[in-house]
Amino acid sequence: MEATRVPRVKVCCISSVDEARLAIRYGASAVGLVSAMPSGPGVIEEGLIAEIAAVVPPGVGSFLLSSAQDAESLIKQQQHCRTNTIQIVDWVPMEAYAVLREALPGIGIVQVIHVSGEESVDEALEIAPHIDALLLDSGNPNLSVKELGGTGRRHDWNLSRKIREESSVPIYLAGGLRPDNVREAIEQVGPFGLDICSGVRSNGELDEEKLGRFMRAVSGS
């Protein structure tokens, strides 16, 4: 895919209707809603995810972050939460993507790749033809308590750039993004989208001042 100079922004770890509205007011093209995870920030109940998703306006993505690893569980979660996109944060069998497509027509499918080495490039390119977008993050699903996002750590952006250049689908870049490094990320990786959680939060809450600075940095203003 070609480099994107002004990427879209997905504000993740949204915890309330008010946070969703604040993110959208500042120009977020998507909000991330985190369901049950083995670790990490932003987890909310599925009932609240459904409540927030219901007020997200047309044209804005509502991403259900799910750690489920089978198609049946993912389908059940989406049907309960009614988001317009599923973000799969852990490994699933390759055949699960076709099952999701058939069961959830019109619902976007985004697969997270936890970028740890050259093998992550091969993994991303193998999965890309089956999904709508890749999200490149800095977790570690191999730990005894899995890290599946929200680490605040930066990974090797050279690998992310390589995935972007060779991928057949758009990529979102996540992991350690902040107002003071996001321009560097855009220049180095050229992602279609950016995914931000801890970098625009203070004491766990969405920080309007940090969010504004982040958005201005993304647009170059």
Foldseek 3Di string as FASTA:
>chain_A
DDFAQQAAEEEELDDALVSVVLLVVLPHQEYHAEDDALDAGNHDHLVRLLVNQVPDDPRHFYEYEDQDAALVVQLVSCVSNVTQEYEHQDHHDLVSLVVNCVSPPRRFYEYEQQDDDPVSLVVLQVNQVSGAEYEYENWACPDPRGGRDNPLADDPLLSLQVSCVPGPHFYEYEHNDALVCVSVSSVSRRGNYYYDYPRQDDPRHRHSVRSNSNSCSSVVD
